[in-house]
Amino acid sequence: MRSPDQTRKILLDAAYEEIHHYGFQAASLSRILANTGLTKGALYHHFPTKLALGYAVVDEVIHEEILNCWATPLTDCQDPVDCLMNLLQKAAEDTGDEFVEMGCPLNNLAQEMSSVDEGFRQKLGHIYTLWRQAIANALARGQANGKVRADVDTGAAAIFIVAAIEGCLGMAKNARDINLLFECGAGLLHYLDTLHAKP
């Protein structure tokens, strides 16, 4: 027998997949339930509205995904540029055609919902802010230990890096071409390499 926490996680994971595939507005609660085998009662016990479910997907699934993939790994990096380059290369290796077809869940929701719902806009903005701050902080630590050029504006660099990652994914999604993603990523890797302090 499932615990309430397990049931909630099953619903969140299924909702994440549904929203990633169809977007929030077209997401179907009926499809989510069909994919989980759970009842409407179980769904509404944990999430009284579709909006509450969407917010939980942002706060608990997408937020954790960004932290785990991009922010937490930078925490203890001695050379943040190398760490960022490694994270990009790992992301490229883990990205399949399905992800290219559907795009970045964070960016998708930002494009779809930021002008429609203030709650989504704020929650998604909070994730972007955390992501940028993690990169800026890592670069600042790199400057302190001589790994990153002293003249780099760490905040501006972080904004550009996040924008480039999301832009690469967006263009690849539009073109449905994983090679475009790799070419765009190669340009970003070249930019990151310029941030290294000269030996």
N, C-alpha and C. Protein backbone atom coordinates (compact mmCIF):
# COMPACT_ATOMS: atom_id res chain seq x y z
N MET A 1 0.84 -1.19 0.00
CA MET A 1 0.00 0.00 0.00
C MET A 1 0.88 1.26 0.00
N ARG A 2 0.52 2.19 -0.89
CA ARG A 2 1.32 3.40 -1.00
C ARG A 2 1.08 4.34 0.18
N SER A 3 2.15 5.05 0.57
CA SER A 3 2.01 6.09 1.58
C SER A 3 1.50 7.36 0.88
N PRO A 4 0.94 8.30 1.64
CA PRO A 4 0.51 9.57 1.04
C PRO A 4 1.65 10.29 0.32
N ASP A 5 2.86 10.22 0.88
CA ASP A 5 4.00 10.86 0.23
C ASP A 5 4.32 10.22 -1.11
N GLN A 6 4.23 8.90 -1.18
CA GLN A 6 4.48 8.20 -2.44
C GLN A 6 3.43 8.58 -3.48
N THR A 7 2.18 8.61 -3.05
CA THR A 7 1.09 8.99 -3.97
C THR A 7 1.31 10.39 -4.51
N ARG A 8 1.69 11.29 -3.62
CA ARG A 8 1.91 12.67 -4.03
C ARG A 8 3.05 12.76 -5.05
N LYS A 9 4.12 12.00 -4.80
CA LYS A 9 5.26 12.03 -5.72
C LYS A 9 4.88 11.45 -7.08
N ILE A 10 4.10 10.39 -7.08
CA ILE A 10 3.64 9.80 -8.34
C ILE A 10 2.84 10.82 -9.15
N LEU A 11 1.96 11.54 -8.47
CA LEU A 11 1.16 12.56 -9.14
C LEU A 11 2.03 13.69 -9.67
N LEU A 12 2.99 14.14 -8.86
CA LEU A 12 3.87 15.22 -9.29
C LEU A 12 4.71 14.82 -10.50
N ASP A 13 5.27 13.61 -10.48
CA ASP A 13 6.09 13.15 -11.59
C ASP A 13 5.27 13.04 -12.87
N ALA A 14 4.05 12.51 -12.74
CA ALA A 14 3.18 12.37 -13.91
C ALA A 14 2.76 13.75 -14.44
N ALA A 15 2.48 14.67 -13.52
CA ALA A 15 2.10 16.02 -13.92
C ALA A 15 3.26 16.73 -14.62
N TYR A 16 4.46 16.54 -14.10
CA TYR A 16 5.65 17.12 -14.73
C TYR A 16 5.77 16.64 -16.18
N GLU A 17 5.63 15.34 -16.39
CA GLU A 17 5.73 14.78 -17.74
C GLU A 17 4.63 15.33 -18.64
N GLU A 18 3.43 15.42 -18.11
CA GLU A 18 2.29 15.93 -18.87
C GLU A 18 2.51 17.39 -19.27
N ILE A 19 2.94 18.20 -18.31
CA ILE A 19 3.16 19.62 -18.58
C ILE A 19 4.34 19.80 -19.54
N HIS A 20 5.38 19.01 -19.37
CA HIS A 20 6.53 19.11 -20.27
C HIS A 20 6.11 18.79 -21.71
N HIS A 21 5.22 17.83 -21.85
CA HIS A 21 4.81 17.39 -23.18
C HIS A 21 3.80 18.33 -23.82
N TYR A 22 2.82 18.79 -23.03
CA TYR A 22 1.70 19.55 -23.61
C TYR A 22 1.65 21.02 -23.20
N GLY A 23 2.46 21.43 -22.22
CA GLY A 23 2.30 22.76 -21.65
C GLY A 23 1.27 22.72 -20.53
N PHE A 24 1.26 23.75 -19.69
CA PHE A 24 0.35 23.74 -18.54
C PHE A 24 -1.10 23.87 -18.96
N GLN A 25 -1.39 24.81 -19.86
CA GLN A 25 -2.79 25.07 -20.18
C GLN A 25 -3.46 23.90 -20.88
N ALA A 26 -2.70 23.16 -21.68
CA ALA A 26 -3.28 22.00 -22.38
C ALA A 26 -3.13 20.71 -21.59
N ALA A 27 -2.44 20.77 -20.45
CA ALA A 27 -2.27 19.55 -19.64
C ALA A 27 -3.62 19.03 -19.18
N SER A 28 -3.76 17.72 -19.20
CA SER A 28 -5.04 17.08 -18.87
C SER A 28 -4.92 16.30 -17.57
N LEU A 29 -5.79 16.66 -16.61
CA LEU A 29 -5.82 15.90 -15.36
C LEU A 29 -6.26 14.47 -15.61
N SER A 30 -7.13 14.28 -16.58
CA SER A 30 -7.59 12.91 -16.91
C SER A 30 -6.44 12.06 -17.41
N ARG A 31 -5.58 12.63 -18.24
CA ARG A 31 -4.42 11.88 -18.73
C ARG A 31 -3.46 11.57 -17.59
N ILE A 32 -3.26 12.55 -16.70
CA ILE A 32 -2.38 12.32 -15.56
C ILE A 32 -2.90 11.15 -14.73
N LEU A 33 -4.19 11.14 -14.46
CA LEU A 33 -4.77 10.05 -13.67
C LEU A 33 -4.67 8.72 -14.42
N ALA A 34 -4.91 8.74 -15.72
CA ALA A 34 -4.82 7.51 -16.51
C ALA A 34 -3.40 6.95 -16.48
N ASN A 35 -2.42 7.84 -16.49
CA ASN A 35 -1.02 7.40 -16.49
C ASN A 35 -0.55 6.91 -15.12
N THR A 36 -1.26 7.30 -14.08
CA THR A 36 -0.86 6.88 -12.73
C THR A 36 -1.73 5.76 -12.17
N GLY A 37 -2.94 5.60 -12.72
CA GLY A 37 -3.88 4.63 -12.16
C GLY A 37 -4.50 5.09 -10.85
N LEU A 38 -4.32 6.38 -10.53
CA LEU A 38 -4.88 6.91 -9.28
C LEU A 38 -6.25 7.53 -9.53
N THR A 39 -6.95 7.80 -8.45
CA THR A 39 -8.31 8.31 -8.54
C THR A 39 -8.33 9.84 -8.45
N LYS A 40 -9.46 10.41 -8.87
CA LYS A 40 -9.63 11.86 -8.72
C LYS A 40 -9.55 12.25 -7.25
N GLY A 41 -10.06 11.40 -6.39
CA GLY A 41 -10.02 11.69 -4.96
C GLY A 41 -8.59 11.83 -4.46
N ALA A 42 -7.72 10.94 -4.94
CA ALA A 42 -6.31 11.01 -4.53
C ALA A 42 -5.67 12.30 -5.04
N LEU A 43 -6.01 12.66 -6.28
CA LEU A 43 -5.46 13.88 -6.85
C LEU A 43 -5.90 15.12 -6.06
N TYR A 44 -7.20 15.22 -5.83
CA TYR A 44 -7.72 16.42 -5.19
C TYR A 44 -7.41 16.46 -3.69
N HIS A 45 -7.09 15.32 -3.12
CA HIS A 45 -6.65 15.31 -1.73
C HIS A 45 -5.32 16.06 -1.59
N HIS A 46 -4.43 15.85 -2.56
CA HIS A 46 -3.11 16.48 -2.50
C HIS A 46 -3.07 17.83 -3.20
N PHE A 47 -3.85 17.97 -4.26
CA PHE A 47 -3.83 19.20 -5.07
C PHE A 47 -5.27 19.60 -5.38
N PRO A 48 -5.81 20.57 -4.65
CA PRO A 48 -7.23 20.90 -4.81
C PRO A 48 -7.59 21.49 -6.17
N THR A 49 -6.61 22.05 -6.88
CA THR A 49 -6.87 22.62 -8.20
C THR A 49 -5.73 22.26 -9.15
N LYS A 50 -5.99 22.41 -10.43
CA LYS A 50 -4.94 22.21 -11.43
C LYS A 50 -3.82 23.21 -11.22
N LEU A 51 -4.17 24.44 -10.85
CA LEU A 51 -3.16 25.47 -10.61
C LEU A 51 -2.24 25.08 -9.46
N ALA A 52 -2.82 24.54 -8.39
CA ALA A 52 -2.02 24.09 -7.25
C ALA A 52 -1.05 22.99 -7.67
N LEU A 53 -1.50 22.10 -8.55
CA LEU A 53 -0.64 21.04 -9.06
C LEU A 53 0.49 21.64 -9.90
N GLY A 54 0.16 22.60 -10.75
CA GLY A 54 1.19 23.24 -11.58
C GLY A 54 2.23 23.96 -10.74
N TYR A 55 1.77 24.67 -9.72
CA TYR A 55 2.71 25.37 -8.83
C TYR A 55 3.64 24.37 -8.14
N ALA A 56 3.07 23.24 -7.70
CA ALA A 56 3.89 22.23 -7.01
C ALA A 56 4.92 21.63 -7.94
N VAL A 57 4.58 21.45 -9.21
CA VAL A 57 5.54 20.94 -10.19
C VAL A 57 6.72 21.92 -10.31
N VAL A 58 6.42 23.21 -10.35
CA VAL A 58 7.49 24.21 -10.44
C VAL A 58 8.34 24.21 -9.17
N ASP A 59 7.66 24.29 -8.01
CA ASP A 59 8.37 24.42 -6.73
C ASP A 59 9.17 23.19 -6.35
N GLU A 60 8.65 22.01 -6.68
CA GLU A 60 9.26 20.79 -6.17
C GLU A 60 10.01 19.95 -7.21
N VAL A 61 9.56 19.99 -8.44
CA VAL A 61 10.21 19.16 -9.46
C VAL A 61 11.21 19.98 -10.28
N ILE A 62 10.74 21.04 -10.91
CA ILE A 62 11.62 21.83 -11.77
C ILE A 62 12.69 22.53 -10.93
N HIS A 63 12.30 23.07 -9.79
CA HIS A 63 13.26 23.71 -8.89
C HIS A 63 14.37 22.74 -8.51
N GLU A 64 14.01 21.53 -8.11
CA GLU A 64 15.01 20.53 -7.72
C GLU A 64 15.88 20.14 -8.90
N GLU A 65 15.28 20.04 -10.08
CA GLU A 65 16.03 19.65 -11.27
C GLU A 65 17.12 20.67 -11.58
N ILE A 66 16.77 21.95 -11.52
CA ILE A 66 17.74 23.00 -11.80
C ILE A 66 18.83 23.02 -10.73
N LEU A 67 18.43 22.90 -9.46
CA LEU A 67 19.42 22.87 -8.39
C LEU A 67 20.39 21.70 -8.56
N ASN A 68 19.85 20.52 -8.81
CA ASN A 68 20.67 19.32 -8.90
C ASN A 68 21.58 19.33 -10.12
N CYS A 69 21.08 19.87 -11.23
CA CYS A 69 21.85 19.84 -12.47
C CYS A 69 22.85 20.98 -12.59
N TRP A 70 22.48 22.18 -12.09
CA TRP A 70 23.26 23.36 -12.40
C TRP A 70 23.80 24.12 -11.18
N ALA A 71 23.11 24.08 -10.05
CA ALA A 71 23.52 24.93 -8.92
C ALA A 71 24.36 24.18 -7.89
N THR A 72 23.83 23.10 -7.35
CA THR A 72 24.54 22.36 -6.30
C THR A 72 25.93 21.90 -6.73
N PRO A 73 26.11 21.39 -7.98
CA PRO A 73 27.45 20.95 -8.37
C PRO A 73 28.50 22.06 -8.37
N LEU A 74 28.06 23.32 -8.41
CA LEU A 74 29.01 24.43 -8.43
C LEU A 74 29.48 24.83 -7.04
N THR A 75 28.81 24.33 -6.00
CA THR A 75 29.05 24.80 -4.64
C THR A 75 30.50 24.65 -4.20
N ASP A 76 31.10 23.52 -4.50
CA ASP A 76 32.46 23.25 -4.00
C ASP A 76 33.52 23.28 -5.09
N CYS A 77 33.20 23.88 -6.24
CA CYS A 77 34.15 23.89 -7.35
C CYS A 77 35.32 24.82 -7.08
N GLN A 78 36.51 24.33 -7.27
CA GLN A 78 37.68 25.19 -7.18
C GLN A 78 37.85 25.99 -8.47
N ASP A 79 37.56 25.35 -9.60
CA ASP A 79 37.62 26.03 -10.90
C ASP A 79 36.22 26.02 -11.50
N PRO A 80 35.45 27.09 -11.28
CA PRO A 80 34.05 27.09 -11.71
C PRO A 80 33.89 27.04 -13.22
N VAL A 81 34.86 27.56 -13.96
CA VAL A 81 34.76 27.50 -15.42
C VAL A 81 34.83 26.06 -15.89
N ASP A 82 35.81 25.32 -15.38
CA ASP A 82 35.90 23.90 -15.73
C ASP A 82 34.64 23.16 -15.31
N CYS A 83 34.13 23.48 -14.11
CA CYS A 83 32.92 22.83 -13.62
C CYS A 83 31.73 23.12 -14.54
N LEU A 84 31.58 24.37 -14.95
CA LEU A 84 30.49 24.73 -15.86
C LEU A 84 30.63 24.02 -17.20
N MET A 85 31.84 23.94 -17.69
CA MET A 85 32.07 23.25 -18.97
C MET A 85 31.72 21.76 -18.84
N ASN A 86 32.10 21.17 -17.72
CA ASN A 86 31.76 19.76 -17.49
C ASN A 86 30.26 19.55 -17.37
N LEU A 87 29.58 20.49 -16.69
CA LEU A 87 28.12 20.38 -16.55
C LEU A 87 27.44 20.50 -17.91
N LEU A 88 27.93 21.39 -18.75
CA LEU A 88 27.36 21.52 -20.10
C LEU A 88 27.57 20.25 -20.91
N GLN A 89 28.76 19.70 -20.83
CA GLN A 89 29.04 18.49 -21.59
C GLN A 89 28.20 17.32 -21.08
N LYS A 90 28.01 17.24 -19.77
CA LYS A 90 27.16 16.18 -19.21
C LYS A 90 25.72 16.37 -19.66
N ALA A 91 25.25 17.62 -19.63
CA ALA A 91 23.87 17.89 -20.07
C ALA A 91 23.69 17.49 -21.53
N ALA A 92 24.70 17.77 -22.36
CA ALA A 92 24.62 17.40 -23.78
C ALA A 92 24.56 15.88 -23.94
N GLU A 93 25.35 15.18 -23.14
CA GLU A 93 25.35 13.71 -23.22
C GLU A 93 24.01 13.12 -22.78
N ASP A 94 23.37 13.78 -21.79
CA ASP A 94 22.12 13.26 -21.24
C ASP A 94 20.89 13.68 -22.05
N THR A 95 21.06 14.63 -22.97
CA THR A 95 19.93 15.16 -23.73
C THR A 95 19.65 14.26 -24.93
N GLY A 96 18.45 13.74 -24.98
CA GLY A 96 18.06 12.91 -26.10
C GLY A 96 17.14 13.67 -27.05
N ASP A 97 16.74 13.01 -28.13
CA ASP A 97 15.88 13.64 -29.13
C ASP A 97 14.54 14.06 -28.53
N GLU A 98 14.04 13.30 -27.55
CA GLU A 98 12.76 13.63 -26.94
C GLU A 98 12.84 14.97 -26.22
N PHE A 99 13.94 15.21 -25.52
CA PHE A 99 14.09 16.48 -24.80
C PHE A 99 14.22 17.63 -25.79
N VAL A 100 14.94 17.41 -26.89
CA VAL A 100 15.08 18.44 -27.91
C VAL A 100 13.71 18.76 -28.51
N GLU A 101 12.90 17.74 -28.71
CA GLU A 101 11.57 17.94 -29.29
C GLU A 101 10.68 18.76 -28.34
N MET A 102 10.81 18.53 -27.03
CA MET A 102 9.91 19.19 -26.08
C MET A 102 10.52 20.41 -25.41
N GLY A 103 11.83 20.56 -25.43
CA GLY A 103 12.46 21.75 -24.88
C GLY A 103 12.67 21.69 -23.37
N CYS A 104 13.15 22.80 -22.83
CA CYS A 104 13.43 22.93 -21.40
C CYS A 104 12.13 23.21 -20.65
N PRO A 105 11.78 22.41 -19.66
CA PRO A 105 10.52 22.64 -18.93
C PRO A 105 10.43 24.03 -18.29
N LEU A 106 11.55 24.52 -17.76
CA LEU A 106 11.56 25.84 -17.13
C LEU A 106 11.28 26.93 -18.17
N ASN A 107 11.99 26.87 -19.28
CA ASN A 107 11.83 27.87 -20.33
C ASN A 107 10.44 27.79 -20.96
N ASN A 108 9.97 26.56 -21.18
CA ASN A 108 8.63 26.39 -21.76
C ASN A 108 7.58 27.09 -20.92
N LEU A 109 7.61 26.84 -19.61
CA LEU A 109 6.61 27.43 -18.72
C LEU A 109 6.78 28.95 -18.62
N ALA A 110 8.02 29.41 -18.63
CA ALA A 110 8.24 30.86 -18.58
C ALA A 110 7.62 31.53 -19.81
N GLN A 111 7.81 30.91 -20.98
CA GLN A 111 7.25 31.48 -22.20
C GLN A 111 5.72 31.40 -22.21
N GLU A 112 5.19 30.29 -21.70
CA GLU A 112 3.74 30.08 -21.75
C GLU A 112 2.98 30.85 -20.68
N MET A 113 3.51 30.88 -19.45
CA MET A 113 2.69 31.29 -18.32
C MET A 113 3.07 32.62 -17.66
N SER A 114 4.26 33.15 -17.94
CA SER A 114 4.68 34.36 -17.21
C SER A 114 3.78 35.56 -17.47
N SER A 115 3.22 35.64 -18.67
CA SER A 115 2.33 36.77 -18.97
C SER A 115 0.87 36.45 -18.64
N VAL A 116 0.62 35.23 -18.21
CA VAL A 116 -0.76 34.78 -17.96
C VAL A 116 -1.09 34.70 -16.48
N ASP A 117 -0.10 34.29 -15.67
CA ASP A 117 -0.35 34.04 -14.25
C ASP A 117 0.82 34.56 -13.42
N GLU A 118 0.53 35.45 -12.48
CA GLU A 118 1.57 36.07 -11.68
C GLU A 118 2.27 35.06 -10.78
N GLY A 119 1.54 34.08 -10.27
CA GLY A 119 2.14 33.06 -9.42
C GLY A 119 3.21 32.28 -10.17
N PHE A 120 2.89 31.85 -11.38
CA PHE A 120 3.88 31.16 -12.20
C PHE A 120 5.07 32.07 -12.47
N ARG A 121 4.80 33.33 -12.82
CA ARG A 121 5.89 34.25 -13.15
C ARG A 121 6.87 34.38 -11.99
N GLN A 122 6.34 34.55 -10.79
CA GLN A 122 7.21 34.73 -9.63
C GLN A 122 7.98 33.45 -9.30
N LYS A 123 7.32 32.31 -9.35
CA LYS A 123 7.97 31.05 -9.02
C LYS A 123 9.07 30.71 -10.02
N LEU A 124 8.79 30.90 -11.29
CA LEU A 124 9.78 30.63 -12.33
C LEU A 124 10.93 31.63 -12.23
N GLY A 125 10.60 32.89 -11.96
CA GLY A 125 11.64 33.90 -11.79
C GLY A 125 12.56 33.59 -10.63
N HIS A 126 12.00 33.05 -9.57
CA HIS A 126 12.81 32.66 -8.40
C HIS A 126 13.83 31.59 -8.79
N ILE A 127 13.42 30.63 -9.62
CA ILE A 127 14.34 29.57 -10.04
C ILE A 127 15.45 30.16 -10.92
N TYR A 128 15.07 31.02 -11.85
CA TYR A 128 16.09 31.67 -12.69
C TYR A 128 17.09 32.46 -11.84
N THR A 129 16.57 33.15 -10.82
CA THR A 129 17.44 33.94 -9.95
C THR A 129 18.42 33.04 -9.20
N LEU A 130 17.94 31.93 -8.65
CA LEU A 130 18.82 30.99 -7.95
C LEU A 130 19.90 30.44 -8.88
N TRP A 131 19.51 30.13 -10.09
CA TRP A 131 20.44 29.58 -11.08
C TRP A 131 21.53 30.60 -11.39
N ARG A 132 21.12 31.84 -11.68
CA ARG A 132 22.10 32.88 -11.98
C ARG A 132 23.01 33.15 -10.78
N GLN A 133 22.42 33.21 -9.59
CA GLN A 133 23.23 33.48 -8.40
C GLN A 133 24.25 32.38 -8.15
N ALA A 134 23.86 31.14 -8.39
CA ALA A 134 24.80 30.02 -8.19
C ALA A 134 26.00 30.17 -9.11
N ILE A 135 25.76 30.56 -10.36
CA ILE A 135 26.86 30.73 -11.31
C ILE A 135 27.70 31.95 -10.93
N ALA A 136 27.04 33.07 -10.62
CA ALA A 136 27.77 34.28 -10.26
C ALA A 136 28.63 34.06 -9.01
N ASN A 137 28.08 33.38 -8.02
CA ASN A 137 28.84 33.11 -6.79
C ASN A 137 30.04 32.21 -7.07
N ALA A 138 29.83 31.21 -7.91
CA ALA A 138 30.94 30.31 -8.24
C ALA A 138 32.03 31.06 -8.97
N LEU A 139 31.65 31.92 -9.92
CA LEU A 139 32.66 32.69 -10.65
C LEU A 139 33.40 33.64 -9.72
N ALA A 140 32.68 34.24 -8.77
CA ALA A 140 33.34 35.14 -7.81
C ALA A 140 34.35 34.37 -6.96
N ARG A 141 34.01 33.16 -6.55
CA ARG A 141 34.97 32.34 -5.80
C ARG A 141 36.17 32.01 -6.68
N GLY A 142 35.90 31.79 -7.97
CA GLY A 142 37.00 31.52 -8.90
C GLY A 142 37.93 32.71 -9.05
N GLN A 143 37.35 33.91 -9.01
CA GLN A 143 38.20 35.11 -9.05
C GLN A 143 39.07 35.19 -7.79
N ALA A 144 38.48 34.85 -6.66
CA ALA A 144 39.21 34.93 -5.39
C ALA A 144 40.38 33.97 -5.34
N ASN A 145 40.25 32.81 -6.02
CA ASN A 145 41.37 31.86 -5.97
C ASN A 145 42.21 31.86 -7.25
N GLY A 146 41.97 32.88 -8.09
CA GLY A 146 42.83 33.05 -9.25
C GLY A 146 42.50 32.20 -10.46
N LYS A 147 41.35 31.55 -10.47
CA LYS A 147 40.98 30.67 -11.59
C LYS A 147 40.19 31.42 -12.67
N VAL A 148 39.54 32.53 -12.27
CA VAL A 148 38.70 33.29 -13.20
C VAL A 148 39.30 34.68 -13.36
N ARG A 149 39.27 35.21 -14.57
CA ARG A 149 39.81 36.54 -14.83
C ARG A 149 39.21 37.57 -13.89
N ALA A 150 40.06 38.46 -13.38
CA ALA A 150 39.61 39.46 -12.39
C ALA A 150 38.67 40.48 -12.99
N ASP A 151 38.73 40.68 -14.32
CA ASP A 151 37.91 41.72 -14.94
C ASP A 151 36.52 41.21 -15.36
N VAL A 152 36.22 39.96 -15.09
CA VAL A 152 34.92 39.41 -15.47
C VAL A 152 33.83 39.96 -14.54
N ASP A 153 32.77 40.49 -15.11
CA ASP A 153 31.59 40.89 -14.35
C ASP A 153 30.78 39.61 -14.11
N THR A 154 30.89 39.07 -12.91
CA THR A 154 30.32 37.74 -12.64
C THR A 154 28.80 37.71 -12.79
N GLY A 155 28.13 38.78 -12.39
CA GLY A 155 26.68 38.83 -12.53
C GLY A 155 26.25 38.84 -13.97
N ALA A 156 26.90 39.67 -14.79
CA ALA A 156 26.58 39.74 -16.21
C ALA A 156 26.90 38.43 -16.91
N ALA A 157 28.03 37.82 -16.54
CA ALA A 157 28.40 36.54 -17.14
C ALA A 157 27.36 35.47 -16.81
N ALA A 158 26.88 35.46 -15.57
CA ALA A 158 25.87 34.47 -15.17
C ALA A 158 24.58 34.65 -15.96
N ILE A 159 24.17 35.91 -16.15
CA ILE A 159 22.96 36.17 -16.95
C ILE A 159 23.15 35.64 -18.36
N PHE A 160 24.31 35.93 -18.95
CA PHE A 160 24.56 35.48 -20.32
C PHE A 160 24.58 33.96 -20.42
N ILE A 161 25.22 33.30 -19.46
CA ILE A 161 25.34 31.84 -19.51
C ILE A 161 23.96 31.17 -19.44
N VAL A 162 23.13 31.62 -18.50
CA VAL A 162 21.78 31.04 -18.39
C VAL A 162 20.98 31.33 -19.66
N ALA A 163 21.06 32.57 -20.14
CA ALA A 163 20.33 32.92 -21.36
C ALA A 163 20.81 32.10 -22.55
N ALA A 164 22.11 31.85 -22.63
CA ALA A 164 22.65 31.06 -23.74
C ALA A 164 22.17 29.61 -23.67
N ILE A 165 22.20 29.04 -22.46
CA ILE A 165 21.72 27.66 -22.31
C ILE A 165 20.26 27.55 -22.75
N GLU A 166 19.44 28.46 -22.23
CA GLU A 166 18.02 28.42 -22.56
C GLU A 166 17.78 28.73 -24.04
N GLY A 167 18.57 29.65 -24.59
CA GLY A 167 18.44 29.96 -26.02
C GLY A 167 18.84 28.80 -26.90
N CYS A 168 19.90 28.12 -26.54
CA CYS A 168 20.33 26.94 -27.31
C CYS A 168 19.22 25.89 -27.33
N LEU A 169 18.66 25.64 -26.15
CA LEU A 169 17.59 24.65 -26.06
C LEU A 169 16.36 25.08 -26.85
N GLY A 170 16.03 26.37 -26.78
CA GLY A 170 14.87 26.87 -27.51
C GLY A 170 15.02 26.75 -29.01
N MET A 171 16.19 27.11 -29.53
CA MET A 171 16.43 27.00 -30.97
C MET A 171 16.42 25.54 -31.42
N ALA A 172 17.03 24.66 -30.60
CA ALA A 172 17.06 23.24 -30.96
C ALA A 172 15.65 22.66 -30.95
N LYS A 173 14.82 23.09 -29.99
CA LYS A 173 13.43 22.63 -29.95
C LYS A 173 12.69 23.08 -31.20
N ASN A 174 12.85 24.35 -31.56
CA ASN A 174 12.16 24.87 -32.74
C ASN A 174 12.58 24.13 -34.01
N ALA A 175 13.88 23.86 -34.12
CA ALA A 175 14.40 23.18 -35.31
C ALA A 175 14.25 21.66 -35.22
N ARG A 176 14.00 21.17 -34.00
CA ARG A 176 13.99 19.71 -33.73
C ARG A 176 15.28 19.08 -34.27
N ASP A 177 16.37 19.71 -33.89
CA ASP A 177 17.68 19.32 -34.40
C ASP A 177 18.69 19.31 -33.26
N ILE A 178 19.06 18.12 -32.83
CA ILE A 178 20.00 18.01 -31.71
C ILE A 178 21.39 18.52 -32.10
N ASN A 179 21.72 18.46 -33.40
CA ASN A 179 23.02 18.96 -33.84
C ASN A 179 23.13 20.47 -33.66
N LEU A 180 22.00 21.17 -33.83
CA LEU A 180 22.01 22.61 -33.58
C LEU A 180 22.30 22.89 -32.11
N LEU A 181 21.76 22.06 -31.23
CA LEU A 181 22.03 22.21 -29.80
C LEU A 181 23.52 22.03 -29.52
N PHE A 182 24.13 21.01 -30.14
CA PHE A 182 25.55 20.77 -29.92
C PHE A 182 26.41 21.91 -30.47
N GLU A 183 26.03 22.44 -31.64
CA GLU A 183 26.79 23.55 -32.23
C GLU A 183 26.69 24.80 -31.34
N CYS A 184 25.49 25.06 -30.86
CA CYS A 184 25.28 26.21 -29.98
C CYS A 184 26.07 26.01 -28.68
N GLY A 185 26.04 24.80 -28.16
CA GLY A 185 26.78 24.48 -26.94
C GLY A 185 28.27 24.64 -27.12
N ALA A 186 28.77 24.32 -28.30
CA ALA A 186 30.20 24.48 -28.57
C ALA A 186 30.59 25.96 -28.49
N GLY A 187 29.71 26.84 -28.98
CA GLY A 187 29.98 28.27 -28.88
C GLY A 187 30.00 28.73 -27.43
N LEU A 188 29.11 28.20 -26.63
CA LEU A 188 29.08 28.56 -25.21
C LEU A 188 30.32 28.04 -24.49
N LEU A 189 30.76 26.84 -24.84
CA LEU A 189 31.99 26.31 -24.24
C LEU A 189 33.18 27.21 -24.58
N HIS A 190 33.21 27.70 -25.80
CA HIS A 190 34.31 28.61 -26.20
C HIS A 190 34.26 29.89 -25.36
N TYR A 191 33.06 30.43 -25.16
CA TYR A 191 32.92 31.63 -24.32
C TYR A 191 33.41 31.34 -22.90
N LEU A 192 32.99 30.23 -22.33
CA LEU A 192 33.39 29.90 -20.97
C LEU A 192 34.91 29.82 -20.85
N ASP A 193 35.54 29.26 -21.84
CA ASP A 193 37.00 29.12 -21.80
C ASP A 193 37.68 30.49 -21.72
N THR A 194 37.05 31.52 -22.29
CA THR A 194 37.65 32.87 -22.24
C THR A 194 37.61 33.46 -20.84
N LEU A 195 36.83 32.87 -19.94
CA LEU A 195 36.74 33.38 -18.57
C LEU A 195 37.91 32.93 -17.69
N HIS A 196 38.64 31.93 -18.16
CA HIS A 196 39.78 31.45 -17.38
C HIS A 196 40.82 32.55 -17.19
N ALA A 197 41.37 32.60 -15.98
CA ALA A 197 42.50 33.49 -15.74
C ALA A 197 43.72 32.98 -16.50
N LYS A 198 44.51 33.89 -16.99
CA LYS A 198 45.73 33.48 -17.70
C LYS A 198 46.74 32.95 -16.68
N PRO A 199 47.40 31.84 -17.02
CA PRO A 199 48.39 31.30 -16.07
C PRO A 199 49.59 32.21 -15.91
